[in-house]
Amino acid sequence: MEVPHLHFLVVPNSQIPIGSVVSVQTADADTWFIDGAQIDLRLVKPLLHVARAVQGRGTLREVPREEPWGQMRLVREDISIAEMPDSWTITEAGIYMPVPKKLITAELTREMAALGTEYLRYVDST
């Protein structure tokens, strides 16, 4: 099965469930609604580019696993946007993706990492 096309939409927090800074809607595509107060808009397009590259390495499963095959680690580091495309890795332990710490909040990285880890139940690593 083909992996759904990923989209990031930056929205006001009022469009996200109370207590969250990101939510996911899945239909024909995976759309992540991101609280615009939690991320510098300059980071959205490069983050999406890297996320799609990571997503493209997986194969969608017919039946989700009981547990994710690994962990999504979205880590705030002292890197630039330009360094992001070459910084992520996939191993048997999961996905490691550093992001510029000055452009995204710790809360958003935690929630995106948790959603990403849950997503790994639905794909096989290649």
PDB file of N, CA and C in Angstrom:
ATOM      1  N   MET A   1       0.837  -1.184   0.000  1.00  0.00           N
ATOM      2  CA  MET A   1       0.000   0.000   0.000  1.00  0.00           C
ATOM      3  C   MET A   1       0.878   1.241   0.000  1.00  0.00           C
ATOM      4  N   GLU A   2       0.406   2.260  -0.662  1.00  0.00           N
ATOM      5  CA  GLU A   2       1.140   3.511  -0.741  1.00  0.00           C
ATOM      6  C   GLU A   2       0.937   4.336   0.532  1.00  0.00           C
ATOM      7  N   VAL A   3       2.017   4.957   0.993  1.00  0.00           N
ATOM      8  CA  VAL A   3       1.955   5.810   2.174  1.00  0.00           C
ATOM      9  C   VAL A   3       1.232   7.101   1.808  1.00  0.00           C
ATOM     10  N   PRO A   4       0.263   7.563   2.627  1.00  0.00           N
ATOM     11  CA  PRO A   4      -0.451   8.812   2.320  1.00  0.00           C
ATOM     12  C   PRO A   4       0.499   9.997   2.244  1.00  0.00           C
ATOM     13  N   HIS A   5       0.144  10.972   1.435  1.00  0.00           N
ATOM     14  CA  HIS A   5       0.951  12.175   1.269  1.00  0.00           C
ATOM     15  C   HIS A   5       0.828  13.051   2.517  1.00  0.00           C
ATOM     16  N   LEU A   6       1.932  13.508   3.042  1.00  0.00           N
ATOM     17  CA  LEU A   6       1.986  14.272   4.275  1.00  0.00           C
ATOM     18  C   LEU A   6       1.841  15.767   4.015  1.00  0.00           C
ATOM     19  N   HIS A   7       1.061  16.441   4.872  1.00  0.00           N
ATOM     20  CA  HIS A   7       0.883  17.889   4.809  1.00  0.00           C
ATOM     21  C   HIS A   7       1.017  18.471   6.211  1.00  0.00           C
ATOM     22  N   PHE A   8       1.600  19.672   6.323  1.00  0.00           N
ATOM     23  CA  PHE A   8       1.617  20.415   7.578  1.00  0.00           C
ATOM     24  C   PHE A   8       0.819  21.690   7.355  1.00  0.00           C
ATOM     25  N   LEU A   9      -0.137  21.966   8.213  1.00  0.00           N
ATOM     26  CA  LEU A   9      -0.889  23.214   8.173  1.00  0.00           C
ATOM     27  C   LEU A   9      -0.688  23.943   9.492  1.00  0.00           C
ATOM     28  N   VAL A  10      -0.213  25.181   9.414  1.00  0.00           N
ATOM     29  CA  VAL A  10      -0.037  25.992  10.608  1.00  0.00           C
ATOM     30  C   VAL A  10      -1.340  26.740  10.844  1.00  0.00           C
ATOM     31  N   VAL A  11      -1.896  26.559  12.043  1.00  0.00           N
ATOM     32  CA  VAL A  11      -3.207  27.114  12.376  1.00  0.00           C
ATOM     33  C   VAL A  11      -3.154  27.754  13.752  1.00  0.00           C
ATOM     34  N   PRO A  12      -4.163  28.577  14.076  1.00  0.00           N
ATOM     35  CA  PRO A  12      -4.258  29.079  15.448  1.00  0.00           C
ATOM     36  C   PRO A  12      -4.539  27.923  16.408  1.00  0.00           C
ATOM     37  N   ASN A  13      -4.092  28.044  17.637  1.00  0.00           N
ATOM     38  CA  ASN A  13      -4.285  26.994  18.625  1.00  0.00           C
ATOM     39  C   ASN A  13      -5.754  26.640  18.820  1.00  0.00           C
ATOM     40  N   SER A  14      -6.653  27.579  18.561  1.00  0.00           N
ATOM     41  CA  SER A  14      -8.088  27.323  18.731  1.00  0.00           C
ATOM     42  C   SER A  14      -8.612  26.238  17.779  1.00  0.00           C
ATOM     43  N   GLN A  15      -7.831  25.899  16.741  1.00  0.00           N
ATOM     44  CA  GLN A  15      -8.241  24.867  15.787  1.00  0.00           C
ATOM     45  C   GLN A  15      -7.647  23.492  16.113  1.00  0.00           C
ATOM     46  N   ILE A  16      -7.007  23.408  17.276  1.00  0.00           N
ATOM     47  CA  ILE A  16      -6.376  22.173  17.719  1.00  0.00           C
ATOM     48  C   ILE A  16      -7.055  21.759  19.028  1.00  0.00           C
ATOM     49  N   PRO A  17      -7.230  20.462  19.270  1.00  0.00           N
ATOM     50  CA  PRO A  17      -7.874  20.038  20.518  1.00  0.00           C
ATOM     51  C   PRO A  17      -7.230  20.668  21.757  1.00  0.00           C
ATOM     52  N   ILE A  18      -8.046  21.021  22.715  1.00  0.00           N
ATOM     53  CA  ILE A  18      -7.575  21.668  23.944  1.00  0.00           C
ATOM     54  C   ILE A  18      -6.494  20.816  24.600  1.00  0.00           C
ATOM     55  N   GLY A  19      -5.419  21.481  25.004  1.00  0.00           N
ATOM     56  CA  GLY A  19      -4.318  20.803  25.664  1.00  0.00           C
ATOM     57  C   GLY A  19      -3.246  20.298  24.722  1.00  0.00           C
ATOM     58  N   SER A  20      -3.418  20.476  23.419  1.00  0.00           N
ATOM     59  CA  SER A  20      -2.443  20.007  22.436  1.00  0.00           C
ATOM     60  C   SER A  20      -1.889  21.174  21.628  1.00  0.00           C
ATOM     61  N   VAL A  21      -0.781  20.934  20.955  1.00  0.00           N
ATOM     62  CA  VAL A  21      -0.218  21.932  20.044  1.00  0.00           C
ATOM     63  C   VAL A  21      -0.101  21.383  18.626  1.00  0.00           C
ATOM     64  N   VAL A  22      -0.503  20.117  18.444  1.00  0.00           N
ATOM     65  CA  VAL A  22      -0.519  19.503  17.121  1.00  0.00           C
ATOM     66  C   VAL A  22      -1.606  18.426  17.118  1.00  0.00           C
ATOM     67  N   SER A  23      -2.250  18.258  15.970  1.00  0.00           N
ATOM     68  CA  SER A  23      -3.217  17.172  15.812  1.00  0.00           C
ATOM     69  C   SER A  23      -3.102  16.642  14.395  1.00  0.00           C
ATOM     70  N   VAL A  24      -3.598  15.436  14.199  1.00  0.00           N
ATOM     71  CA  VAL A  24      -3.475  14.782  12.898  1.00  0.00           C
ATOM     72  C   VAL A  24      -4.854  14.391  12.391  1.00  0.00           C
ATOM     73  N   GLN A  25      -5.076  14.658  11.113  1.00  0.00           N
ATOM     74  CA  GLN A  25      -6.290  14.215  10.434  1.00  0.00           C
ATOM     75  C   GLN A  25      -5.840  13.307   9.306  1.00  0.00           C
ATOM     76  N   THR A  26      -6.420  12.124   9.219  1.00  0.00           N
ATOM     77  CA  THR A  26      -6.044  11.182   8.176  1.00  0.00           C
ATOM     78  C   THR A  26      -7.260  10.863   7.321  1.00  0.00           C
ATOM     79  N   ALA A  27      -7.137  11.087   6.046  1.00  0.00           N
ATOM     80  CA  ALA A  27      -8.149  10.684   5.059  1.00  0.00           C
ATOM     81  C   ALA A  27      -7.346  10.134   3.892  1.00  0.00           C
ATOM     82  N   ASP A  28      -7.308  10.855   2.777  1.00  0.00           N
ATOM     83  CA  ASP A  28      -6.450  10.454   1.669  1.00  0.00           C
ATOM     84  C   ASP A  28      -5.009  10.894   1.902  1.00  0.00           C
ATOM     85  N   ALA A  29      -4.820  11.771   2.870  1.00  0.00           N
ATOM     86  CA  ALA A  29      -3.489  12.275   3.201  1.00  0.00           C
ATOM     87  C   ALA A  29      -3.384  12.421   4.706  1.00  0.00           C
ATOM     88  N   ASP A  30      -2.174  12.448   5.199  1.00  0.00           N
ATOM     89  CA  ASP A  30      -1.949  12.752   6.601  1.00  0.00           C
ATOM     90  C   ASP A  30      -1.735  14.252   6.709  1.00  0.00           C
ATOM     91  N   THR A  31      -2.639  14.930   7.391  1.00  0.00           N
ATOM     92  CA  THR A  31      -2.520  16.369   7.585  1.00  0.00           C
ATOM     93  C   THR A  31      -2.269  16.640   9.059  1.00  0.00           C
ATOM     94  N   TRP A  32      -1.162  17.280   9.334  1.00  0.00           N
ATOM     95  CA  TRP A  32      -0.805  17.642  10.701  1.00  0.00           C
ATOM     96  C   TRP A  32      -1.136  19.116  10.883  1.00  0.00           C
ATOM     97  N   PHE A  33      -1.994  19.423  11.857  1.00  0.00           N
ATOM     98  CA  PHE A  33      -2.336  20.798  12.197  1.00  0.00           C
ATOM     99  C   PHE A  33      -1.408  21.230  13.322  1.00  0.00           C
ATOM    100  N   ILE A  34      -0.628  22.273  13.062  1.00  0.00           N
ATOM    101  CA  ILE A  34       0.418  22.716  13.997  1.00  0.00           C
ATOM    102  C   ILE A  34       0.071  24.097  14.517  1.00  0.00           C
ATOM    103  N   ASP A  35       0.169  24.265  15.825  1.00  0.00           N
ATOM    104  CA  ASP A  35      -0.067  25.555  16.472  1.00  0.00           C
ATOM    105  C   ASP A  35       1.022  26.530  16.003  1.00  0.00           C
ATOM    106  N   GLY A  36       0.601  27.578  15.306  1.00  0.00           N
ATOM    107  CA  GLY A  36       1.537  28.552  14.749  1.00  0.00           C
ATOM    108  C   GLY A  36       2.362  29.294  15.780  1.00  0.00           C
ATOM    109  N   ALA A  37       1.912  29.330  17.033  1.00  0.00           N
ATOM    110  CA  ALA A  37       2.677  29.995  18.086  1.00  0.00           C
ATOM    111  C   ALA A  37       3.837  29.128  18.575  1.00  0.00           C
ATOM    112  N   GLN A  38       3.896  27.883  18.145  1.00  0.00           N
ATOM    113  CA  GLN A  38       4.911  26.939  18.619  1.00  0.00           C
ATOM    114  C   GLN A  38       6.077  26.733  17.650  1.00  0.00           C
ATOM    115  N   ILE A  39       5.997  27.362  16.463  1.00  0.00           N
ATOM    116  CA  ILE A  39       7.015  27.112  15.440  1.00  0.00           C
ATOM    117  C   ILE A  39       7.244  28.376  14.627  1.00  0.00           C
ATOM    118  N   ASP A  40       8.488  28.627  14.285  1.00  0.00           N
ATOM    119  CA  ASP A  40       8.827  29.724  13.389  1.00  0.00           C
ATOM    120  C   ASP A  40       8.420  29.286  11.981  1.00  0.00           C
ATOM    121  N   LEU A  41       7.678  30.107  11.275  1.00  0.00           N
ATOM    122  CA  LEU A  41       7.162  29.731   9.958  1.00  0.00           C
ATOM    123  C   LEU A  41       8.260  29.359   8.967  1.00  0.00           C
ATOM    124  N   ARG A  42       9.467  29.875   9.146  1.00  0.00           N
ATOM    125  CA  ARG A  42      10.581  29.518   8.256  1.00  0.00           C
ATOM    126  C   ARG A  42      10.947  28.045   8.345  1.00  0.00           C
ATOM    127  N   LEU A  43      10.560  27.390   9.441  1.00  0.00           N
ATOM    128  CA  LEU A  43      10.912  25.993   9.654  1.00  0.00           C
ATOM    129  C   LEU A  43       9.911  25.019   9.032  1.00  0.00           C
ATOM    130  N   VAL A  44       8.699  25.459   8.759  1.00  0.00           N
ATOM    131  CA  VAL A  44       7.640  24.551   8.323  1.00  0.00           C
ATOM    132  C   VAL A  44       7.994  23.827   7.030  1.00  0.00           C
ATOM    133  N   LYS A  45       8.381  24.541   6.002  1.00  0.00           N
ATOM    134  CA  LYS A  45       8.664  23.900   4.712  1.00  0.00           C
ATOM    135  C   LYS A  45       9.860  22.942   4.792  1.00  0.00           C
ATOM    136  N   PRO A  46      10.985  23.344   5.394  1.00  0.00           N
ATOM    137  CA  PRO A  46      12.099  22.387   5.502  1.00  0.00           C
ATOM    138  C   PRO A  46      11.761  21.170   6.369  1.00  0.00           C
ATOM    139  N   LEU A  47      10.999  21.376   7.439  1.00  0.00           N
ATOM    140  CA  LEU A  47      10.596  20.266   8.288  1.00  0.00           C
ATOM    141  C   LEU A  47       9.706  19.300   7.516  1.00  0.00           C
ATOM    142  N   LEU A  48       8.797  19.831   6.736  1.00  0.00           N
ATOM    143  CA  LEU A  48       7.926  19.000   5.919  1.00  0.00           C
ATOM    144  C   LEU A  48       8.742  18.230   4.877  1.00  0.00           C
ATOM    145  N   HIS A  49       9.718  18.883   4.265  1.00  0.00           N
ATOM    146  CA  HIS A  49      10.577  18.235   3.273  1.00  0.00           C
ATOM    147  C   HIS A  49      11.289  17.023   3.887  1.00  0.00           C
ATOM    148  N   VAL A  50      11.866  17.208   5.073  1.00  0.00           N
ATOM    149  CA  VAL A  50      12.570  16.112   5.737  1.00  0.00           C
ATOM    150  C   VAL A  50      11.574  15.035   6.165  1.00  0.00           C
ATOM    151  N   ALA A  51      10.424  15.438   6.707  1.00  0.00           N
ATOM    152  CA  ALA A  51       9.409  14.471   7.135  1.00  0.00           C
ATOM    153  C   ALA A  51       8.929  13.625   5.954  1.00  0.00           C
ATOM    154  N   ARG A  52       8.753  14.242   4.795  1.00  0.00           N
ATOM    155  CA  ARG A  52       8.330  13.482   3.605  1.00  0.00           C
ATOM    156  C   ARG A  52       9.424  12.524   3.142  1.00  0.00           C
ATOM    157  N   ALA A  53      10.686  12.944   3.260  1.00  0.00           N
ATOM    158  CA  ALA A  53      11.795  12.056   2.883  1.00  0.00           C
ATOM    159  C   ALA A  53      11.818  10.832   3.802  1.00  0.00           C
ATOM    160  N   VAL A  54      11.625  11.069   5.089  1.00  0.00           N
ATOM    161  CA  VAL A  54      11.564   9.971   6.051  1.00  0.00           C
ATOM    162  C   VAL A  54      10.368   9.081   5.742  1.00  0.00           C
ATOM    163  N   GLN A  55       9.216   9.692   5.508  1.00  0.00           N
ATOM    164  CA  GLN A  55       7.991   8.957   5.217  1.00  0.00           C
ATOM    165  C   GLN A  55       8.147   8.100   3.968  1.00  0.00           C
ATOM    166  N   GLY A  56       8.859   8.611   2.982  1.00  0.00           N
ATOM    167  CA  GLY A  56       9.051   7.891   1.731  1.00  0.00           C
ATOM    168  C   GLY A  56       9.882   6.635   1.864  1.00  0.00           C
ATOM    169  N   ARG A  57      10.551   6.469   2.984  1.00  0.00           N
ATOM    170  CA  ARG A  57      11.376   5.283   3.213  1.00  0.00           C
ATOM    171  C   ARG A  57      10.571   4.112   3.773  1.00  0.00           C
ATOM    172  N   GLY A  58       9.295   4.341   4.100  1.00  0.00           N
ATOM    173  CA  GLY A  58       8.485   3.296   4.707  1.00  0.00           C
ATOM    174  C   GLY A  58       7.466   2.720   3.746  1.00  0.00           C
ATOM    175  N   THR A  59       6.893   1.589   4.139  1.00  0.00           N
ATOM    176  CA  THR A  59       5.837   0.926   3.387  1.00  0.00           C
ATOM    177  C   THR A  59       4.638   0.780   4.309  1.00  0.00           C
ATOM    178  N   LEU A  60       3.478   1.245   3.863  1.00  0.00           N
ATOM    179  CA  LEU A  60       2.274   1.182   4.670  1.00  0.00           C
ATOM    180  C   LEU A  60       1.847  -0.263   4.892  1.00  0.00           C
ATOM    181  N   ARG A  61       1.490  -0.592   6.108  1.00  0.00           N
ATOM    182  CA  ARG A  61       1.042  -1.941   6.462  1.00  0.00           C
ATOM    183  C   ARG A  61      -0.461  -2.087   6.257  1.00  0.00           C
ATOM    184  N   GLU A  62      -0.908  -3.286   5.909  1.00  0.00           N
ATOM    185  CA  GLU A  62      -2.339  -3.580   5.811  1.00  0.00           C
ATOM    186  C   GLU A  62      -2.970  -3.519   7.203  1.00  0.00           C
ATOM    187  N   VAL A  63      -2.273  -4.088   8.181  1.00  0.00           N
ATOM    188  CA  VAL A  63      -2.748  -4.134   9.561  1.00  0.00           C
ATOM    189  C   VAL A  63      -1.676  -3.500  10.446  1.00  0.00           C
ATOM    190  N   PRO A  64      -2.038  -2.532  11.282  1.00  0.00           N
ATOM    191  CA  PRO A  64      -1.038  -1.901  12.153  1.00  0.00           C
ATOM    192  C   PRO A  64      -0.422  -2.900  13.140  1.00  0.00           C
ATOM    193  N   ARG A  65       0.813  -2.657  13.501  1.00  0.00           N
ATOM    194  CA  ARG A  65       1.479  -3.446  14.544  1.00  0.00           C
ATOM    195  C   ARG A  65       0.851  -3.107  15.896  1.00  0.00           C
ATOM    196  N   GLU A  66       1.014  -4.010  16.874  1.00  0.00           N
ATOM    197  CA  GLU A  66       0.562  -3.687  18.222  1.00  0.00           C
ATOM    198  C   GLU A  66       1.418  -2.581  18.815  1.00  0.00           C
ATOM    199  N   GLU A  67       2.697  -2.592  18.507  1.00  0.00           N
ATOM    200  CA  GLU A  67       3.640  -1.588  19.003  1.00  0.00           C
ATOM    201  C   GLU A  67       4.408  -1.002  17.816  1.00  0.00           C
ATOM    202  N   PRO A  68       4.848   0.249  17.907  1.00  0.00           N
ATOM    203  CA  PRO A  68       5.676   0.819  16.831  1.00  0.00           C
ATOM    204  C   PRO A  68       6.973   0.015  16.683  1.00  0.00           C
ATOM    205  N   TRP A  69       7.523  -0.032  15.475  1.00  0.00           N
ATOM    206  CA  TRP A  69       8.764  -0.771  15.252  1.00  0.00           C
ATOM    207  C   TRP A  69       9.974  -0.030  15.818  1.00  0.00           C
ATOM    208  N   GLY A  70       9.799   1.236  16.154  1.00  0.00           N
ATOM    209  CA  GLY A  70      10.881   2.038  16.717  1.00  0.00           C
ATOM    210  C   GLY A  70      10.304   3.302  17.325  1.00  0.00           C
ATOM    211  N   GLN A  71      11.166   4.244  17.583  1.00  0.00           N
ATOM    212  CA  GLN A  71      10.754   5.502  18.199  1.00  0.00           C
ATOM    213  C   GLN A  71      11.112   6.667  17.279  1.00  0.00           C
ATOM    214  N   MET A  72      10.217   7.641  17.180  1.00  0.00           N
ATOM    215  CA  MET A  72      10.510   8.882  16.464  1.00  0.00           C
ATOM    216  C   MET A  72      11.140   9.831  17.473  1.00  0.00           C
ATOM    217  N   ARG A  73      12.355  10.244  17.201  1.00  0.00           N
ATOM    218  CA  ARG A  73      13.045  11.185  18.086  1.00  0.00           C
ATOM    219  C   ARG A  73      13.220  12.493  17.339  1.00  0.00           C
ATOM    220  N   LEU A  74      12.400  13.457  17.657  1.00  0.00           N
ATOM    221  CA  LEU A  74      12.509  14.810  17.127  1.00  0.00           C
ATOM    222  C   LEU A  74      13.231  15.600  18.212  1.00  0.00           C
ATOM    223  N   VAL A  75      14.466  16.009  17.934  1.00  0.00           N
ATOM    224  CA  VAL A  75      15.333  16.558  18.967  1.00  0.00           C
ATOM    225  C   VAL A  75      15.738  17.989  18.629  1.00  0.00           C
ATOM    226  N   ARG A  76      15.500  18.889  19.575  1.00  0.00           N
ATOM    227  CA  ARG A  76      15.904  20.287  19.398  1.00  0.00           C
ATOM    228  C   ARG A  76      17.411  20.389  19.611  1.00  0.00           C
ATOM    229  N   GLU A  77      18.112  20.859  18.578  1.00  0.00           N
ATOM    230  CA  GLU A  77      19.567  20.987  18.649  1.00  0.00           C
ATOM    231  C   GLU A  77      19.990  22.326  18.088  1.00  0.00           C
ATOM    232  N   ASP A  78      21.241  22.653  18.300  1.00  0.00           N
ATOM    233  CA  ASP A  78      21.796  23.910  17.807  1.00  0.00           C
ATOM    234  C   ASP A  78      22.279  23.707  16.370  1.00  0.00           C
ATOM    235  N   ILE A  79      21.299  23.567  15.446  1.00  0.00           N
ATOM    236  CA  ILE A  79      21.612  23.421  14.028  1.00  0.00           C
ATOM    237  C   ILE A  79      20.834  24.482  13.253  1.00  0.00           C
ATOM    238  N   SER A  80      21.217  24.676  12.012  1.00  0.00           N
ATOM    239  CA  SER A  80      20.503  25.614  11.149  1.00  0.00           C
ATOM    240  C   SER A  80      19.485  24.855  10.306  1.00  0.00           C
ATOM    241  N   ILE A  81      18.579  25.591   9.702  1.00  0.00           N
ATOM    242  CA  ILE A  81      17.615  24.983   8.790  1.00  0.00           C
ATOM    243  C   ILE A  81      18.350  24.270   7.653  1.00  0.00           C
ATOM    244  N   ALA A  82      19.426  24.871   7.157  1.00  0.00           N
ATOM    245  CA  ALA A  82      20.168  24.298   6.037  1.00  0.00           C
ATOM    246  C   ALA A  82      20.775  22.934   6.371  1.00  0.00           C
ATOM    247  N   GLU A  83      21.046  22.669   7.645  1.00  0.00           N
ATOM    248  CA  GLU A  83      21.641  21.389   8.043  1.00  0.00           C
ATOM    249  C   GLU A  83      20.621  20.255   8.159  1.00  0.00           C
ATOM    250  N   MET A  84      19.333  20.596   8.230  1.00  0.00           N
ATOM    251  CA  MET A  84      18.302  19.589   8.464  1.00  0.00           C
ATOM    252  C   MET A  84      18.249  18.467   7.432  1.00  0.00           C
ATOM    253  N   PRO A  85      18.317  18.752   6.121  1.00  0.00           N
ATOM    254  CA  PRO A  85      18.162  17.662   5.142  1.00  0.00           C
ATOM    255  C   PRO A  85      19.191  16.541   5.274  1.00  0.00           C
ATOM    256  N   ASP A  86      20.361  16.840   5.821  1.00  0.00           N
ATOM    257  CA  ASP A  86      21.412  15.827   5.925  1.00  0.00           C
ATOM    258  C   ASP A  86      21.586  15.280   7.336  1.00  0.00           C
ATOM    259  N   SER A  87      20.712  15.657   8.259  1.00  0.00           N
ATOM    260  CA  SER A  87      20.920  15.315   9.666  1.00  0.00           C
ATOM    261  C   SER A  87      20.097  14.142  10.176  1.00  0.00           C
ATOM    262  N   TRP A  88      19.049  13.740   9.494  1.00  0.00           N
ATOM    263  CA  TRP A  88      18.183  12.684  10.023  1.00  0.00           C
ATOM    264  C   TRP A  88      18.712  11.303   9.678  1.00  0.00           C
ATOM    265  N   THR A  89      18.358  10.328  10.497  1.00  0.00           N
ATOM    266  CA  THR A  89      18.764   8.948  10.259  1.00  0.00           C
ATOM    267  C   THR A  89      17.616   7.999  10.608  1.00  0.00           C
ATOM    268  N   ILE A  90      17.619   6.837   9.971  1.00  0.00           N
ATOM    269  CA  ILE A  90      16.700   5.759  10.306  1.00  0.00           C
ATOM    270  C   ILE A  90      17.545   4.542  10.648  1.00  0.00           C
ATOM    271  N   THR A  91      17.271   3.951  11.807  1.00  0.00           N
ATOM    272  CA  THR A  91      17.935   2.714  12.226  1.00  0.00           C
ATOM    273  C   THR A  91      16.861   1.752  12.714  1.00  0.00           C
ATOM    274  N   GLU A  92      17.282   0.567  13.149  1.00  0.00           N
ATOM    275  CA  GLU A  92      16.313  -0.379  13.692  1.00  0.00           C
ATOM    276  C   GLU A  92      15.673   0.145  14.976  1.00  0.00           C
ATOM    277  N   ALA A  93      16.287   1.161  15.599  1.00  0.00           N
ATOM    278  CA  ALA A  93      15.728   1.761  16.823  1.00  0.00           C
ATOM    279  C   ALA A  93      14.665   2.808  16.513  1.00  0.00           C
ATOM    280  N   GLY A  94      14.623   3.282  15.274  1.00  0.00           N
ATOM    281  CA  GLY A  94      13.631   4.278  14.903  1.00  0.00           C
ATOM    282  C   GLY A  94      14.216   5.397  14.056  1.00  0.00           C
ATOM    283  N   ILE A  95      13.622   6.566  14.203  1.00  0.00           N
ATOM    284  CA  ILE A  95      13.985   7.726  13.382  1.00  0.00           C
ATOM    285  C   ILE A  95      14.513   8.823  14.295  1.00  0.00           C
ATOM    286  N   TYR A  96      15.637   9.395  13.902  1.00  0.00           N
ATOM    287  CA  TYR A  96      16.231  10.516  14.629  1.00  0.00           C
ATOM    288  C   TYR A  96      16.205  11.716  13.692  1.00  0.00           C
ATOM    289  N   MET A  97      15.561  12.798  14.140  1.00  0.00           N
ATOM    290  CA  MET A  97      15.458  13.993  13.311  1.00  0.00           C
ATOM    291  C   MET A  97      15.757  15.235  14.166  1.00  0.00           C
ATOM    292  N   PRO A  98      16.952  15.820  14.028  1.00  0.00           N
ATOM    293  CA  PRO A  98      17.236  17.055  14.758  1.00  0.00           C
ATOM    294  C   PRO A  98      16.550  18.248  14.094  1.00  0.00           C
ATOM    295  N   VAL A  99      16.138  19.209  14.916  1.00  0.00           N
ATOM    296  CA  VAL A  99      15.492  20.423  14.425  1.00  0.00           C
ATOM    297  C   VAL A  99      16.124  21.627  15.121  1.00  0.00           C
ATOM    298  N   PRO A 100      16.141  22.794  14.469  1.00  0.00           N
ATOM    299  CA  PRO A 100      16.735  23.988  15.077  1.00  0.00           C
ATOM    300  C   PRO A 100      15.981  24.399  16.350  1.00  0.00           C
ATOM    301  N   LYS A 101      16.668  24.345  17.486  1.00  0.00           N
ATOM    302  CA  LYS A 101      16.001  24.565  18.762  1.00  0.00           C
ATOM    303  C   LYS A 101      15.446  25.972  18.937  1.00  0.00           C
ATOM    304  N   LYS A 102      15.969  26.927  18.218  1.00  0.00           N
ATOM    305  CA  LYS A 102      15.477  28.302  18.359  1.00  0.00           C
ATOM    306  C   LYS A 102      14.202  28.551  17.560  1.00  0.00           C
ATOM    307  N   LEU A 103      13.804  27.588  16.729  1.00  0.00           N
ATOM    308  CA  LEU A 103      12.671  27.800  15.825  1.00  0.00           C
ATOM    309  C   LEU A 103      11.447  26.949  16.146  1.00  0.00           C
ATOM    310  N   ILE A 104      11.523  26.132  17.189  1.00  0.00           N
ATOM    311  CA  ILE A 104      10.406  25.243  17.532  1.00  0.00           C
ATOM    312  C   ILE A 104      10.431  25.002  19.037  1.00  0.00           C
ATOM    313  N   THR A 105       9.255  24.938  19.646  1.00  0.00           N
ATOM    314  CA  THR A 105       9.194  24.758  21.095  1.00  0.00           C
ATOM    315  C   THR A 105       9.414  23.299  21.487  1.00  0.00           C
ATOM    316  N   ALA A 106       9.825  23.115  22.725  1.00  0.00           N
ATOM    317  CA  ALA A 106       9.996  21.766  23.267  1.00  0.00           C
ATOM    318  C   ALA A 106       8.651  21.031  23.288  1.00  0.00           C
ATOM    319  N   GLU A 107       7.585  21.739  23.617  1.00  0.00           N
ATOM    320  CA  GLU A 107       6.256  21.125  23.664  1.00  0.00           C
ATOM    321  C   GLU A 107       5.853  20.566  22.299  1.00  0.00           C
ATOM    322  N   LEU A 108       6.074  21.346  21.250  1.00  0.00           N
ATOM    323  CA  LEU A 108       5.711  20.882  19.906  1.00  0.00           C
ATOM    324  C   LEU A 108       6.578  19.700  19.481  1.00  0.00           C
ATOM    325  N   THR A 109       7.868  19.736  19.759  1.00  0.00           N
ATOM    326  CA  THR A 109       8.716  18.605  19.373  1.00  0.00           C
ATOM    327  C   THR A 109       8.289  17.338  20.112  1.00  0.00           C
ATOM    328  N   ARG A 110       7.931  17.455  21.395  1.00  0.00           N
ATOM    329  CA  ARG A 110       7.468  16.271  22.150  1.00  0.00           C
ATOM    330  C   ARG A 110       6.205  15.687  21.532  1.00  0.00           C
ATOM    331  N   GLU A 111       5.228  16.545  21.236  1.00  0.00           N
ATOM    332  CA  GLU A 111       3.966  16.047  20.679  1.00  0.00           C
ATOM    333  C   GLU A 111       4.140  15.489  19.274  1.00  0.00           C
ATOM    334  N   MET A 112       4.951  16.148  18.453  1.00  0.00           N
ATOM    335  CA  MET A 112       5.193  15.629  17.105  1.00  0.00           C
ATOM    336  C   MET A 112       5.933  14.293  17.161  1.00  0.00           C
ATOM    337  N   ALA A 113       6.881  14.156  18.085  1.00  0.00           N
ATOM    338  CA  ALA A 113       7.608  12.900  18.238  1.00  0.00           C
ATOM    339  C   ALA A 113       6.667  11.787  18.692  1.00  0.00           C
ATOM    340  N   ALA A 114       5.749  12.092  19.609  1.00  0.00           N
ATOM    341  CA  ALA A 114       4.794  11.087  20.077  1.00  0.00           C
ATOM    342  C   ALA A 114       3.874  10.638  18.938  1.00  0.00           C
ATOM    343  N   LEU A 115       3.387  11.585  18.149  1.00  0.00           N
ATOM    344  CA  LEU A 115       2.541  11.235  17.005  1.00  0.00           C
ATOM    345  C   LEU A 115       3.333  10.453  15.965  1.00  0.00           C
ATOM    346  N   GLY A 116       4.575  10.857  15.744  1.00  0.00           N
ATOM    347  CA  GLY A 116       5.433  10.141  14.797  1.00  0.00           C
ATOM    348  C   GLY A 116       5.708   8.715  15.241  1.00  0.00           C
ATOM    349  N   THR A 117       5.925   8.528  16.533  1.00  0.00           N
ATOM    350  CA  THR A 117       6.151   7.180  17.058  1.00  0.00           C
ATOM    351  C   THR A 117       4.903   6.330  16.868  1.00  0.00           C
ATOM    352  N   GLU A 118       3.730   6.876  17.136  1.00  0.00           N
ATOM    353  CA  GLU A 118       2.478   6.146  16.916  1.00  0.00           C
ATOM    354  C   GLU A 118       2.329   5.774  15.436  1.00  0.00           C
ATOM    355  N   TYR A 119       2.728   6.678  14.548  1.00  0.00           N
ATOM    356  CA  TYR A 119       2.664   6.436  13.097  1.00  0.00           C
ATOM    357  C   TYR A 119       3.482   5.200  12.702  1.00  0.00           C
ATOM    358  N   LEU A 120       4.558   4.926  13.441  1.00  0.00           N
ATOM    359  CA  LEU A 120       5.428   3.799  13.100  1.00  0.00           C
ATOM    360  C   LEU A 120       4.742   2.448  13.292  1.00  0.00           C
ATOM    361  N   ARG A 121       3.575   2.427  13.917  1.00  0.00           N
ATOM    362  CA  ARG A 121       2.778   1.194  13.985  1.00  0.00           C
ATOM    363  C   ARG A 121       2.195   0.850  12.604  1.00  0.00           C
ATOM    364  N   TYR A 122       2.026   1.862  11.779  1.00  0.00           N
ATOM    365  CA  TYR A 122       1.333   1.703  10.506  1.00  0.00           C
ATOM    366  C   TYR A 122       2.256   1.516   9.301  1.00  0.00           C
ATOM    367  N   VAL A 123       3.560   1.607   9.521  1.00  0.00           N
ATOM    368  CA  VAL A 123       4.508   1.452   8.417  1.00  0.00           C
ATOM    369  C   VAL A 123       5.616   0.478   8.804  1.00  0.00           C
ATOM    370  N   ASP A 124       6.206  -0.127   7.790  1.00  0.00           N
ATOM    371  CA  ASP A 124       7.398  -0.929   7.968  1.00  0.00           C
ATOM    372  C   ASP A 124       8.578  -0.112   7.476  1.00  0.00           C
ATOM    373  N   SER A 125       9.678  -0.202   8.162  1.00  0.00           N
ATOM    374  CA  SER A 125      10.903   0.474   7.745  1.00  0.00           C
ATOM    375  C   SER A 125      11.497  -0.288   6.569  1.00  0.00           C
ATOM    376  N   THR A 126      12.085   0.449   5.623  1.00  0.00           N
ATOM    377  CA  THR A 126      12.741  -0.214   4.503  1.00  0.00           C
ATOM    378  C   THR A 126      14.213   0.108   4.466  1.00  0.00           C
TER     379      THR A 126
END
